[in-house]
Amino acid sequence: MIETLGEAYDAGWRIHARCAQGKLKGMKSIPECLERDELDLKTLMWTRGEMFPLERLESRLKCPCCWSRRVAVWFERTANVRRARMVARP
């Protein structure tokens, strides 16, 4: 079972996110934000660390268009891709 960013990277997963703000802000009707993108897993590992749990990722993101913290994340497994990371040795 894959639970961390490092494990997802090693397995060759892709991570996608979209804004989940919706059409209402309180009682006001607003234009729906349709922002979506693929997240760079390598950059996430640089900023969050390879042991960062995937289940907490959604709560740490913000839409770059409307700045909403309501973001949906989904994971895509790629067929039979395994990445080997280089480990620096002293």
N, C-alpha and C. Protein backbone atom coordinates (compact mmCIF):
# COMPACT_ATOMS: atom_id res chain seq x y z
N MET A 1 0.84 -1.18 0.00
CA MET A 1 0.00 0.00 0.00
C MET A 1 0.89 1.26 0.00
N ILE A 2 0.59 2.17 -0.88
CA ILE A 2 1.39 3.40 -1.02
C ILE A 2 0.77 4.51 -0.18
N GLU A 3 1.55 5.06 0.76
CA GLU A 3 1.02 6.03 1.70
C GLU A 3 1.78 7.36 1.73
N THR A 4 2.98 7.42 1.13
CA THR A 4 3.77 8.65 1.20
C THR A 4 4.13 9.14 -0.20
N LEU A 5 4.59 10.40 -0.26
CA LEU A 5 5.01 10.97 -1.54
C LEU A 5 6.17 10.18 -2.15
N GLY A 6 7.11 9.77 -1.33
CA GLY A 6 8.26 9.01 -1.81
C GLY A 6 7.85 7.68 -2.42
N GLU A 7 6.92 7.00 -1.78
CA GLU A 7 6.43 5.72 -2.30
C GLU A 7 5.67 5.92 -3.61
N ALA A 8 4.89 6.99 -3.69
CA ALA A 8 4.14 7.29 -4.92
C ALA A 8 5.10 7.62 -6.05
N TYR A 9 6.17 8.35 -5.75
CA TYR A 9 7.17 8.68 -6.76
C TYR A 9 7.87 7.42 -7.26
N ASP A 10 8.27 6.56 -6.33
CA ASP A 10 8.94 5.32 -6.70
C ASP A 10 8.06 4.43 -7.56
N ALA A 11 6.75 4.46 -7.31
CA ALA A 11 5.81 3.62 -8.06
C ALA A 11 5.43 4.24 -9.40
N GLY A 12 5.86 5.48 -9.64
CA GLY A 12 5.56 6.13 -10.91
C GLY A 12 4.17 6.73 -10.99
N TRP A 13 3.59 7.03 -9.83
CA TRP A 13 2.25 7.62 -9.81
C TRP A 13 2.28 9.05 -10.33
N ARG A 14 1.12 9.52 -10.79
CA ARG A 14 0.92 10.92 -11.16
C ARG A 14 -0.17 11.47 -10.24
N ILE A 15 -0.02 12.74 -9.84
CA ILE A 15 -0.99 13.37 -8.93
C ILE A 15 -1.63 14.55 -9.63
N HIS A 16 -2.95 14.60 -9.58
CA HIS A 16 -3.73 15.67 -10.20
C HIS A 16 -4.53 16.40 -9.13
N ALA A 17 -4.78 17.69 -9.36
CA ALA A 17 -5.59 18.48 -8.43
C ALA A 17 -6.52 19.39 -9.21
N ARG A 18 -7.67 19.69 -8.60
CA ARG A 18 -8.60 20.65 -9.19
C ARG A 18 -9.23 21.46 -8.08
N CYS A 19 -9.65 22.66 -8.45
CA CYS A 19 -10.33 23.53 -7.49
C CYS A 19 -11.72 22.97 -7.24
N ALA A 20 -12.13 22.95 -6.00
CA ALA A 20 -13.45 22.43 -5.63
C ALA A 20 -14.30 23.52 -4.98
N GLN A 21 -14.02 24.78 -5.31
CA GLN A 21 -14.72 25.91 -4.69
C GLN A 21 -16.22 25.88 -4.95
N GLY A 22 -16.64 25.57 -6.16
CA GLY A 22 -18.06 25.55 -6.46
C GLY A 22 -18.57 26.90 -6.94
N LYS A 23 -19.89 27.04 -7.00
CA LYS A 23 -20.50 28.25 -7.56
C LYS A 23 -21.03 29.21 -6.50
N LEU A 24 -20.94 28.82 -5.24
CA LEU A 24 -21.45 29.69 -4.17
C LEU A 24 -20.36 30.00 -3.16
N LYS A 25 -20.37 31.25 -2.69
CA LYS A 25 -19.50 31.66 -1.60
C LYS A 25 -20.41 32.28 -0.57
N GLY A 26 -20.75 31.49 0.43
CA GLY A 26 -21.78 31.91 1.38
C GLY A 26 -23.11 31.88 0.67
N MET A 27 -23.82 33.01 0.63
CA MET A 27 -25.10 33.09 -0.06
C MET A 27 -24.98 33.74 -1.43
N LYS A 28 -23.74 34.12 -1.81
CA LYS A 28 -23.53 34.79 -3.10
C LYS A 28 -23.17 33.78 -4.18
N SER A 29 -23.66 34.03 -5.36
CA SER A 29 -23.32 33.23 -6.53
C SER A 29 -22.06 33.82 -7.16
N ILE A 30 -21.07 32.97 -7.39
CA ILE A 30 -19.81 33.41 -7.99
C ILE A 30 -19.50 32.52 -9.19
N PRO A 31 -18.65 32.99 -10.10
CA PRO A 31 -18.25 32.12 -11.22
C PRO A 31 -17.48 30.91 -10.69
N GLU A 32 -17.77 29.76 -11.23
CA GLU A 32 -17.10 28.54 -10.80
C GLU A 32 -15.65 28.53 -11.30
N CYS A 33 -14.72 28.18 -10.43
CA CYS A 33 -13.31 28.09 -10.80
C CYS A 33 -13.08 26.70 -11.40
N LEU A 34 -12.55 26.66 -12.60
CA LEU A 34 -12.33 25.40 -13.30
C LEU A 34 -10.86 25.01 -13.37
N GLU A 35 -10.06 25.59 -12.51
CA GLU A 35 -8.62 25.34 -12.52
C GLU A 35 -8.32 23.88 -12.16
N ARG A 36 -7.47 23.25 -12.96
CA ARG A 36 -7.00 21.89 -12.68
C ARG A 36 -5.63 21.71 -13.30
N ASP A 37 -4.83 20.82 -12.71
CA ASP A 37 -3.48 20.65 -13.21
C ASP A 37 -2.89 19.36 -12.64
N GLU A 38 -1.82 18.91 -13.27
CA GLU A 38 -1.04 17.80 -12.72
C GLU A 38 0.02 18.39 -11.82
N LEU A 39 0.18 17.82 -10.64
CA LEU A 39 1.18 18.30 -9.69
C LEU A 39 2.50 17.60 -9.95
N ASP A 40 3.59 18.33 -9.79
CA ASP A 40 4.92 17.75 -9.99
C ASP A 40 5.34 17.03 -8.71
N LEU A 41 5.40 15.73 -8.79
CA LEU A 41 5.69 14.91 -7.63
C LEU A 41 7.10 15.16 -7.07
N LYS A 42 8.04 15.42 -7.96
CA LYS A 42 9.40 15.67 -7.52
C LYS A 42 9.48 16.97 -6.72
N THR A 43 8.78 18.01 -7.17
CA THR A 43 8.76 19.28 -6.44
C THR A 43 8.05 19.11 -5.09
N LEU A 44 6.98 18.34 -5.05
CA LEU A 44 6.31 18.08 -3.78
C LEU A 44 7.24 17.38 -2.81
N MET A 45 8.06 16.47 -3.30
CA MET A 45 9.01 15.79 -2.41
C MET A 45 10.07 16.77 -1.89
N TRP A 46 10.49 17.73 -2.73
CA TRP A 46 11.45 18.74 -2.29
C TRP A 46 10.86 19.63 -1.21
N THR A 47 9.59 20.00 -1.35
CA THR A 47 8.99 20.96 -0.42
C THR A 47 8.35 20.31 0.80
N ARG A 48 7.82 19.12 0.66
CA ARG A 48 7.12 18.46 1.77
C ARG A 48 7.91 17.32 2.39
N GLY A 49 8.83 16.75 1.65
CA GLY A 49 9.61 15.61 2.14
C GLY A 49 9.03 14.31 1.63
N GLU A 50 9.90 13.32 1.46
CA GLU A 50 9.44 12.05 0.88
C GLU A 50 8.53 11.25 1.81
N MET A 51 8.56 11.55 3.10
CA MET A 51 7.71 10.82 4.06
C MET A 51 6.36 11.50 4.29
N PHE A 52 6.05 12.56 3.53
CA PHE A 52 4.78 13.28 3.70
C PHE A 52 3.63 12.35 3.31
N PRO A 53 2.62 12.19 4.17
CA PRO A 53 1.50 11.29 3.87
C PRO A 53 0.58 11.83 2.77
N LEU A 54 0.21 10.98 1.85
CA LEU A 54 -0.67 11.36 0.75
C LEU A 54 -2.04 11.83 1.26
N GLU A 55 -2.50 11.28 2.37
CA GLU A 55 -3.82 11.64 2.88
C GLU A 55 -3.89 13.08 3.38
N ARG A 56 -2.75 13.71 3.68
CA ARG A 56 -2.73 15.10 4.15
C ARG A 56 -2.48 16.11 3.04
N LEU A 57 -2.20 15.64 1.82
CA LEU A 57 -1.83 16.53 0.73
C LEU A 57 -2.94 17.51 0.38
N GLU A 58 -4.17 17.03 0.32
CA GLU A 58 -5.32 17.87 -0.04
C GLU A 58 -5.44 19.10 0.87
N SER A 59 -5.18 18.91 2.15
CA SER A 59 -5.34 20.00 3.12
C SER A 59 -4.21 21.02 3.04
N ARG A 60 -3.15 20.73 2.33
CA ARG A 60 -2.01 21.63 2.24
C ARG A 60 -1.96 22.43 0.94
N LEU A 61 -2.96 22.27 0.07
CA LEU A 61 -2.95 22.93 -1.23
C LEU A 61 -3.93 24.09 -1.27
N LYS A 62 -3.66 25.02 -2.20
CA LYS A 62 -4.52 26.18 -2.41
C LYS A 62 -4.60 26.43 -3.91
N CYS A 63 -5.79 26.73 -4.42
CA CYS A 63 -5.97 27.00 -5.85
C CYS A 63 -5.19 28.26 -6.23
N PRO A 64 -4.34 28.20 -7.28
CA PRO A 64 -3.57 29.37 -7.67
C PRO A 64 -4.40 30.43 -8.39
N CYS A 65 -5.63 30.09 -8.77
CA CYS A 65 -6.49 31.04 -9.49
C CYS A 65 -7.36 31.87 -8.53
N CYS A 66 -8.10 31.17 -7.67
CA CYS A 66 -9.05 31.87 -6.80
C CYS A 66 -8.64 31.83 -5.32
N TRP A 67 -7.53 31.18 -5.00
CA TRP A 67 -6.98 31.07 -3.66
C TRP A 67 -7.83 30.28 -2.69
N SER A 68 -8.76 29.50 -3.20
CA SER A 68 -9.60 28.66 -2.34
C SER A 68 -8.77 27.50 -1.78
N ARG A 69 -9.06 27.14 -0.55
CA ARG A 69 -8.42 25.98 0.06
C ARG A 69 -9.20 24.69 -0.21
N ARG A 70 -10.34 24.82 -0.87
CA ARG A 70 -11.14 23.64 -1.23
C ARG A 70 -10.57 23.06 -2.53
N VAL A 71 -9.75 22.03 -2.37
CA VAL A 71 -9.05 21.41 -3.50
C VAL A 71 -9.29 19.91 -3.45
N ALA A 72 -9.55 19.32 -4.62
CA ALA A 72 -9.71 17.87 -4.73
C ALA A 72 -8.45 17.30 -5.38
N VAL A 73 -7.96 16.19 -4.85
CA VAL A 73 -6.76 15.55 -5.36
C VAL A 73 -7.08 14.12 -5.74
N TRP A 74 -6.53 13.65 -6.87
CA TRP A 74 -6.67 12.24 -7.22
C TRP A 74 -5.34 11.73 -7.77
N PHE A 75 -5.17 10.44 -7.68
CA PHE A 75 -3.91 9.80 -8.03
C PHE A 75 -4.13 8.88 -9.23
N GLU A 76 -3.14 8.86 -10.12
CA GLU A 76 -3.21 8.02 -11.31
C GLU A 76 -2.01 7.09 -11.30
N ARG A 77 -2.29 5.82 -11.36
CA ARG A 77 -1.20 4.84 -11.43
C ARG A 77 -0.83 4.64 -12.88
N THR A 78 0.44 4.72 -13.18
CA THR A 78 0.88 4.45 -14.54
C THR A 78 1.29 2.99 -14.63
N ALA A 79 1.10 2.39 -15.77
CA ALA A 79 1.30 0.96 -15.94
C ALA A 79 2.77 0.57 -15.82
N ASN A 80 3.07 -0.24 -14.84
CA ASN A 80 4.39 -0.87 -14.67
C ASN A 80 5.58 0.08 -14.73
N VAL A 81 5.45 1.26 -14.14
CA VAL A 81 6.57 2.20 -14.08
C VAL A 81 7.14 2.15 -12.67
N ARG A 82 8.42 1.87 -12.58
CA ARG A 82 9.11 1.89 -11.28
C ARG A 82 10.31 2.82 -11.42
N ARG A 83 10.45 3.75 -10.51
CA ARG A 83 11.59 4.66 -10.54
C ARG A 83 12.56 4.28 -9.43
N ALA A 84 13.80 4.31 -9.75
CA ALA A 84 14.82 4.07 -8.74
C ALA A 84 15.49 5.40 -8.42
N ARG A 85 15.47 5.76 -7.16
CA ARG A 85 16.10 7.01 -6.74
C ARG A 85 17.55 6.76 -6.37
N MET A 86 18.37 7.74 -6.70
CA MET A 86 19.78 7.66 -6.32
C MET A 86 19.91 8.11 -4.87
N VAL A 87 20.65 7.36 -4.09
CA VAL A 87 20.87 7.71 -2.69
C VAL A 87 22.32 8.14 -2.54
N ALA A 88 22.52 9.34 -2.02
CA ALA A 88 23.89 9.84 -1.81
C ALA A 88 24.52 9.12 -0.63
N ARG A 89 25.72 8.66 -0.84
CA ARG A 89 26.43 7.97 0.23
C ARG A 89 27.67 8.78 0.60
N PRO A 90 27.95 8.86 1.89
CA PRO A 90 29.12 9.65 2.34
C PRO A 90 30.43 9.05 1.92
